[in-house]
Amino acid sequence: QVQLVESGGGLVQAGGSLRLSCAASGTIFSLSDMAWYRQAPGKQRELVATITSGVYTTYADFAKGRFTISRDNSQNTVYLQMNSLKPEDTGTYYCNIFNIGVRRRDYWGRGTQVTVSS
């Protein structure tokens, strides 16, 4: 079955950087459209960025200019490079597959915690 495992979260000071990784298995990764979401305590989960199999990327407004999503199909891994972190970036970050080829899918990892201190 499809598994997504996030890593790379942690505690960082405001202005710092983190790189999150999401390792996928059980899917044809090169055909998978991927996304990063986040959820802050007491808030709804929100989309951070997406990357398609064709390496087309989109970003939430809060992520533009600070975050970069990328993928390495040889490693079955998607990344989220986060720079200039702010305390409001604190939350649990989740990896998601929303398409495999032409089929809609909805697979999630368990998340990795990011805490940004002021």
N, C-alpha and C. Protein backbone atom coordinates (compact mmCIF):
# COMPACT_ATOMS: atom_id res chain seq x y z
N GLN A 1 0.83 -1.18 0.00
CA GLN A 1 0.00 0.00 0.00
C GLN A 1 0.88 1.24 0.00
N VAL A 2 0.26 2.38 -0.29
CA VAL A 2 1.00 3.62 -0.34
C VAL A 2 1.37 4.08 1.07
N GLN A 3 2.62 4.44 1.22
CA GLN A 3 3.09 5.00 2.50
C GLN A 3 3.86 6.27 2.23
N LEU A 4 3.62 7.25 3.08
CA LEU A 4 4.34 8.52 3.02
C LEU A 4 4.93 8.77 4.41
N VAL A 5 6.21 9.03 4.46
CA VAL A 5 6.88 9.25 5.74
C VAL A 5 7.62 10.58 5.70
N GLU A 6 7.15 11.51 6.53
CA GLU A 6 7.77 12.83 6.59
C GLU A 6 8.90 12.84 7.63
N SER A 7 9.87 13.71 7.38
CA SER A 7 10.96 13.90 8.34
C SER A 7 11.53 15.30 8.14
N GLY A 8 12.37 15.71 9.07
CA GLY A 8 13.06 16.98 8.93
C GLY A 8 12.52 18.11 9.79
N GLY A 9 11.41 17.85 10.47
CA GLY A 9 10.88 18.89 11.34
C GLY A 9 11.75 19.09 12.56
N GLY A 10 11.41 20.12 13.33
CA GLY A 10 12.18 20.40 14.54
C GLY A 10 11.90 21.78 15.06
N LEU A 11 12.73 22.19 15.99
CA LEU A 11 12.63 23.51 16.61
C LEU A 11 13.68 24.43 15.99
N VAL A 12 13.24 25.59 15.55
CA VAL A 12 14.15 26.53 14.92
C VAL A 12 13.77 27.94 15.34
N GLN A 13 14.74 28.82 15.38
CA GLN A 13 14.45 30.21 15.71
C GLN A 13 13.88 30.95 14.50
N ALA A 14 13.13 31.99 14.77
CA ALA A 14 12.60 32.81 13.69
C ALA A 14 13.75 33.30 12.80
N GLY A 15 13.50 33.24 11.50
CA GLY A 15 14.54 33.60 10.54
C GLY A 15 15.36 32.42 10.07
N GLY A 16 15.22 31.29 10.72
CA GLY A 16 15.98 30.11 10.36
C GLY A 16 15.35 29.32 9.23
N SER A 17 15.95 28.17 8.94
CA SER A 17 15.52 27.34 7.82
C SER A 17 15.38 25.89 8.25
N LEU A 18 14.52 25.19 7.55
CA LEU A 18 14.38 23.74 7.69
C LEU A 18 14.09 23.16 6.32
N ARG A 19 14.52 21.92 6.13
CA ARG A 19 14.15 21.20 4.92
C ARG A 19 13.40 19.95 5.32
N LEU A 20 12.16 19.87 4.91
CA LEU A 20 11.34 18.69 5.17
C LEU A 20 11.46 17.73 4.01
N SER A 21 11.40 16.45 4.34
CA SER A 21 11.43 15.39 3.32
C SER A 21 10.21 14.51 3.50
N CYS A 22 9.77 13.96 2.39
CA CYS A 22 8.66 13.00 2.41
C CYS A 22 9.04 11.85 1.49
N ALA A 23 9.27 10.69 2.09
CA ALA A 23 9.63 9.51 1.32
C ALA A 23 8.38 8.70 1.02
N ALA A 24 8.19 8.37 -0.24
CA ALA A 24 7.00 7.64 -0.67
C ALA A 24 7.35 6.22 -1.07
N SER A 25 6.43 5.31 -0.79
CA SER A 25 6.57 3.94 -1.24
C SER A 25 5.19 3.41 -1.62
N GLY A 26 5.19 2.35 -2.42
CA GLY A 26 3.93 1.74 -2.79
C GLY A 26 3.18 2.48 -3.89
N THR A 27 3.85 3.42 -4.55
CA THR A 27 3.21 4.18 -5.62
C THR A 27 4.20 4.35 -6.76
N ILE A 28 3.67 4.69 -7.92
CA ILE A 28 4.53 5.06 -9.04
C ILE A 28 4.87 6.52 -8.82
N PHE A 29 5.96 6.76 -8.13
CA PHE A 29 6.23 8.10 -7.64
C PHE A 29 6.33 9.11 -8.78
N SER A 30 6.96 8.70 -9.87
CA SER A 30 7.16 9.65 -10.97
C SER A 30 5.85 10.13 -11.58
N LEU A 31 4.77 9.40 -11.37
CA LEU A 31 3.46 9.79 -11.89
C LEU A 31 2.59 10.45 -10.82
N SER A 32 3.14 10.61 -9.62
CA SER A 32 2.36 11.11 -8.50
C SER A 32 2.47 12.62 -8.38
N ASP A 33 1.32 13.27 -8.24
CA ASP A 33 1.28 14.70 -7.93
C ASP A 33 1.25 14.83 -6.41
N MET A 34 2.14 15.66 -5.89
CA MET A 34 2.38 15.71 -4.45
C MET A 34 2.08 17.09 -3.88
N ALA A 35 1.81 17.11 -2.60
CA ALA A 35 1.54 18.38 -1.93
C ALA A 35 2.06 18.34 -0.50
N TRP A 36 2.34 19.51 0.02
CA TRP A 36 2.60 19.71 1.45
C TRP A 36 1.44 20.56 2.00
N TYR A 37 0.94 20.10 3.16
CA TYR A 37 -0.06 20.84 3.92
C TYR A 37 0.52 21.11 5.31
N ARG A 38 -0.13 21.99 6.03
CA ARG A 38 0.24 22.20 7.41
C ARG A 38 -1.02 22.47 8.24
N GLN A 39 -0.87 22.20 9.53
CA GLN A 39 -1.97 22.45 10.45
C GLN A 39 -1.41 22.99 11.75
N ALA A 40 -1.83 24.19 12.09
CA ALA A 40 -1.45 24.79 13.35
C ALA A 40 -2.46 24.39 14.42
N PRO A 41 -2.06 24.41 15.67
CA PRO A 41 -3.00 24.03 16.75
C PRO A 41 -4.26 24.88 16.70
N GLY A 42 -5.42 24.23 16.73
CA GLY A 42 -6.68 24.93 16.73
C GLY A 42 -7.11 25.49 15.40
N LYS A 43 -6.36 25.20 14.35
CA LYS A 43 -6.69 25.71 13.03
C LYS A 43 -6.90 24.57 12.04
N GLN A 44 -7.53 24.92 10.92
CA GLN A 44 -7.73 23.92 9.88
C GLN A 44 -6.44 23.66 9.11
N ARG A 45 -6.37 22.48 8.54
CA ARG A 45 -5.24 22.15 7.70
C ARG A 45 -5.28 23.02 6.45
N GLU A 46 -4.12 23.52 6.04
CA GLU A 46 -4.07 24.39 4.87
C GLU A 46 -2.98 23.94 3.91
N LEU A 47 -3.22 24.19 2.63
CA LEU A 47 -2.27 23.82 1.60
C LEU A 47 -1.07 24.76 1.62
N VAL A 48 0.11 24.19 1.51
CA VAL A 48 1.34 24.98 1.48
C VAL A 48 1.88 25.08 0.05
N ALA A 49 2.04 23.93 -0.60
CA ALA A 49 2.61 23.91 -1.94
C ALA A 49 2.29 22.59 -2.62
N THR A 50 2.32 22.62 -3.94
CA THR A 50 2.12 21.40 -4.73
C THR A 50 3.20 21.28 -5.79
N ILE A 51 3.44 20.04 -6.20
CA ILE A 51 4.33 19.78 -7.33
C ILE A 51 3.78 18.60 -8.10
N THR A 52 3.62 18.77 -9.39
CA THR A 52 3.05 17.71 -10.20
C THR A 52 4.15 16.78 -10.71
N SER A 53 3.72 15.72 -11.35
CA SER A 53 4.68 14.79 -11.96
C SER A 53 5.49 15.50 -13.04
N GLY A 54 4.90 16.52 -13.62
CA GLY A 54 5.61 17.31 -14.62
C GLY A 54 6.41 18.45 -14.03
N VAL A 55 6.55 18.44 -12.71
CA VAL A 55 7.35 19.42 -11.95
C VAL A 55 6.79 20.83 -12.06
N TYR A 56 5.47 20.93 -12.21
CA TYR A 56 4.81 22.24 -12.14
C TYR A 56 4.50 22.49 -10.67
N THR A 57 4.84 23.68 -10.18
CA THR A 57 4.68 23.97 -8.76
C THR A 57 3.69 25.11 -8.53
N THR A 58 3.02 25.03 -7.38
CA THR A 58 2.17 26.13 -6.93
C THR A 58 2.44 26.35 -5.45
N TYR A 59 2.18 27.57 -4.99
CA TYR A 59 2.43 27.91 -3.60
C TYR A 59 1.28 28.74 -3.03
N ALA A 60 1.02 28.52 -1.75
CA ALA A 60 0.14 29.43 -1.03
C ALA A 60 0.82 30.78 -0.94
N ASP A 61 0.02 31.82 -0.78
CA ASP A 61 0.59 33.17 -0.74
C ASP A 61 1.63 33.30 0.37
N PHE A 62 1.37 32.69 1.52
CA PHE A 62 2.30 32.84 2.65
C PHE A 62 3.62 32.13 2.39
N ALA A 63 3.63 31.20 1.42
CA ALA A 63 4.84 30.43 1.14
C ALA A 63 5.69 31.02 0.02
N LYS A 64 5.08 31.85 -0.79
CA LYS A 64 5.80 32.39 -1.94
C LYS A 64 7.01 33.21 -1.51
N GLY A 65 8.14 32.91 -2.14
CA GLY A 65 9.36 33.63 -1.84
C GLY A 65 10.13 33.10 -0.65
N ARG A 66 9.52 32.23 0.15
CA ARG A 66 10.20 31.68 1.33
C ARG A 66 10.37 30.17 1.26
N PHE A 67 9.38 29.48 0.69
CA PHE A 67 9.37 28.02 0.64
C PHE A 67 9.59 27.56 -0.80
N THR A 68 10.26 26.41 -0.94
CA THR A 68 10.46 25.80 -2.25
C THR A 68 10.15 24.32 -2.17
N ILE A 69 9.24 23.88 -3.02
CA ILE A 69 8.93 22.45 -3.11
C ILE A 69 9.71 21.86 -4.27
N SER A 70 10.22 20.66 -4.07
CA SER A 70 10.97 19.99 -5.14
C SER A 70 10.80 18.49 -4.97
N ARG A 71 11.27 17.76 -5.96
CA ARG A 71 11.14 16.31 -5.90
C ARG A 71 12.36 15.65 -6.53
N ASP A 72 12.65 14.46 -6.06
CA ASP A 72 13.72 13.63 -6.61
C ASP A 72 13.10 12.27 -6.90
N ASN A 73 12.78 12.04 -8.16
CA ASN A 73 12.11 10.79 -8.52
C ASN A 73 13.02 9.58 -8.32
N SER A 74 14.32 9.79 -8.37
CA SER A 74 15.23 8.65 -8.15
C SER A 74 15.22 8.20 -6.70
N GLN A 75 14.82 9.09 -5.79
CA GLN A 75 14.75 8.79 -4.36
C GLN A 75 13.32 8.65 -3.86
N ASN A 76 12.35 8.78 -4.76
CA ASN A 76 10.92 8.74 -4.37
C ASN A 76 10.64 9.69 -3.23
N THR A 77 11.19 10.88 -3.32
CA THR A 77 11.12 11.83 -2.22
C THR A 77 10.72 13.21 -2.72
N VAL A 78 9.87 13.87 -1.95
CA VAL A 78 9.52 15.26 -2.19
C VAL A 78 10.03 16.07 -1.00
N TYR A 79 10.48 17.27 -1.30
CA TYR A 79 11.09 18.13 -0.28
C TYR A 79 10.32 19.44 -0.14
N LEU A 80 10.46 20.04 1.02
CA LEU A 80 9.98 21.40 1.22
C LEU A 80 11.08 22.16 1.94
N GLN A 81 11.74 23.04 1.20
CA GLN A 81 12.74 23.91 1.79
C GLN A 81 12.05 25.15 2.31
N MET A 82 12.22 25.40 3.60
CA MET A 82 11.56 26.54 4.24
C MET A 82 12.61 27.49 4.79
N ASN A 83 12.61 28.71 4.29
CA ASN A 83 13.54 29.73 4.72
C ASN A 83 12.79 30.88 5.38
N SER A 84 13.53 31.72 6.09
CA SER A 84 12.95 32.89 6.74
C SER A 84 11.71 32.52 7.55
N LEU A 85 11.85 31.48 8.34
CA LEU A 85 10.70 30.97 9.09
C LEU A 85 10.21 31.96 10.12
N LYS A 86 8.89 31.94 10.32
CA LYS A 86 8.23 32.83 11.26
C LYS A 86 7.51 31.99 12.31
N PRO A 87 7.24 32.56 13.48
CA PRO A 87 6.49 31.80 14.49
C PRO A 87 5.15 31.29 13.96
N GLU A 88 4.51 32.01 13.08
CA GLU A 88 3.23 31.57 12.54
C GLU A 88 3.36 30.39 11.57
N ASP A 89 4.58 29.99 11.25
CA ASP A 89 4.79 28.78 10.45
C ASP A 89 4.76 27.52 11.31
N THR A 90 4.64 27.69 12.61
CA THR A 90 4.59 26.55 13.52
C THR A 90 3.37 25.69 13.22
N GLY A 91 3.59 24.38 13.21
CA GLY A 91 2.50 23.45 12.99
C GLY A 91 3.02 22.09 12.59
N THR A 92 2.09 21.21 12.33
CA THR A 92 2.44 19.89 11.81
C THR A 92 2.33 19.94 10.30
N TYR A 93 3.38 19.49 9.63
CA TYR A 93 3.44 19.51 8.17
C TYR A 93 3.22 18.10 7.63
N TYR A 94 2.30 18.01 6.69
CA TYR A 94 1.89 16.73 6.14
C TYR A 94 2.18 16.65 4.64
N CYS A 95 2.57 15.47 4.23
CA CYS A 95 2.78 15.17 2.82
C CYS A 95 1.51 14.49 2.28
N ASN A 96 1.20 14.78 1.04
CA ASN A 96 -0.03 14.26 0.43
C ASN A 96 0.20 13.90 -1.03
N ILE A 97 -0.38 12.79 -1.43
CA ILE A 97 -0.48 12.47 -2.87
C ILE A 97 -1.91 12.75 -3.28
N PHE A 98 -2.13 13.58 -4.32
CA PHE A 98 -3.50 13.87 -4.72
C PHE A 98 -3.85 13.35 -6.12
N ASN A 99 -2.86 12.91 -6.85
CA ASN A 99 -3.11 12.27 -8.14
C ASN A 99 -2.01 11.24 -8.37
N ILE A 100 -2.39 10.14 -8.99
CA ILE A 100 -1.39 9.22 -9.53
C ILE A 100 -1.78 9.00 -10.98
N GLY A 101 -0.99 9.53 -11.87
CA GLY A 101 -1.39 9.51 -13.28
C GLY A 101 -2.64 10.36 -13.45
N VAL A 102 -3.68 9.77 -14.03
CA VAL A 102 -4.92 10.51 -14.24
C VAL A 102 -5.96 10.20 -13.16
N ARG A 103 -5.56 9.43 -12.16
CA ARG A 103 -6.51 9.02 -11.12
C ARG A 103 -6.37 9.90 -9.88
N ARG A 104 -7.50 10.41 -9.41
CA ARG A 104 -7.51 11.16 -8.16
C ARG A 104 -7.25 10.20 -7.01
N ARG A 105 -6.36 10.62 -6.13
CA ARG A 105 -6.04 9.84 -4.94
C ARG A 105 -5.92 10.80 -3.76
N ASP A 106 -5.87 10.24 -2.56
CA ASP A 106 -5.75 11.08 -1.37
C ASP A 106 -5.04 10.29 -0.30
N TYR A 107 -3.72 10.32 -0.36
CA TYR A 107 -2.89 9.61 0.61
C TYR A 107 -2.15 10.63 1.46
N TRP A 108 -2.00 10.30 2.76
CA TRP A 108 -1.38 11.22 3.70
C TRP A 108 -0.30 10.53 4.52
N GLY A 109 0.70 11.29 4.88
CA GLY A 109 1.65 10.85 5.87
C GLY A 109 1.16 11.23 7.25
N ARG A 110 1.96 10.91 8.26
CA ARG A 110 1.57 11.19 9.64
C ARG A 110 2.02 12.56 10.11
N GLY A 111 2.85 13.19 9.34
CA GLY A 111 3.24 14.55 9.66
C GLY A 111 4.56 14.65 10.40
N THR A 112 5.12 15.85 10.32
CA THR A 112 6.33 16.17 11.07
C THR A 112 6.13 17.55 11.70
N GLN A 113 6.55 17.69 12.94
CA GLN A 113 6.28 18.91 13.70
C GLN A 113 7.35 19.95 13.42
N VAL A 114 6.89 21.16 13.14
CA VAL A 114 7.78 22.31 12.97
C VAL A 114 7.40 23.35 14.02
N THR A 115 8.38 23.76 14.80
CA THR A 115 8.15 24.79 15.81
C THR A 115 9.15 25.92 15.59
N VAL A 116 8.62 27.12 15.41
CA VAL A 116 9.47 28.28 15.19
C VAL A 116 9.33 29.20 16.40
N SER A 117 10.43 29.41 17.07
CA SER A 117 10.41 30.25 18.26
C SER A 117 10.75 31.70 17.90
N SER A 118 10.17 32.61 18.66
CA SER A 118 10.41 34.04 18.38
C SER A 118 11.62 34.56 19.13
